[in-house]
Amino acid sequence: MPNWIVKRAAGLLLAVGLIDGTVTIARLVETTPYKTALDAVAIVAGGFLLLGGPRATLWVRTLAVFGLSGGIVLVIAAPLFQPLDLTLTEIRLDPSNLDAKGSLVLAVLCITLWITWQLGRASVRDAIIASGIRSWDMRIPAQAGAGVIALASFLLWLTLHGQSADLATTLALQQLGPDYRYHLSWISGSGNGHGTTITGVVTAWNKTELKKVLLQWQTP
């Protein structure tokens, strides 16, 4: 196993995990919302590369291929989750927030692509085969990652455009009036003894402002 390649990939993952974890802690101290699983995933993957040997290297590469293909599909599908006018309004009113999100997504994709490339180099593949482990066809995790995210994106789109979305936007309209356009941004449900409690967040926007409306209602 060419240790320098694996150690370099592990070092990058551990560094990314520690930096992201530090940012998470700092944001919590400032009471600023910042949610990401990148730190835990990167640290665990980096630890596996350092301690796990050829099989762990193969698994980390497989997961990286899965995540890379899924991430690409998610970026392609993201514009379908909300109206174009809402996206343009977000860019105009708060460009720094969108720049930060875009930079984070781009960084994650670039890191995942680099890890996939490094652990897929011929010397690493040859060392894995020499250790007695059968080589895997990376088209399978690539197709699986793309398929899982495509299916999840489709189900999310249906959820955000169904009858519950119509009800949520109607309730938000009753609160804020006709001076805004409305879009259901998030929804979840929890069962109880009297039915299901639905919680949703509707984004209301016009040319000058954006608002988030938290809603809750019961269904039988």
Foldseek 3Di string as FASTA:
>chain_A
DPLVLLLVLLVVLQVVLVVLVVVCVVCVVVVHDDDDCSNVVSNVLSVCSVPVPLVSLLVSLLVLLLQLLLLVLCVVLVPLLDDPVVVVLCCVPPVPVVVVVVVVSVVSNVSSVVSNVSCPDPVNQVVSVVVVDDDDDSVVSSVVSNVVNVVVSVVSSCVFPDPVVVVVQVVVCVVPHDQWDKGWNDKDWDADPVAIKIWTWMWTDDNHDIDIDIDIDGDD
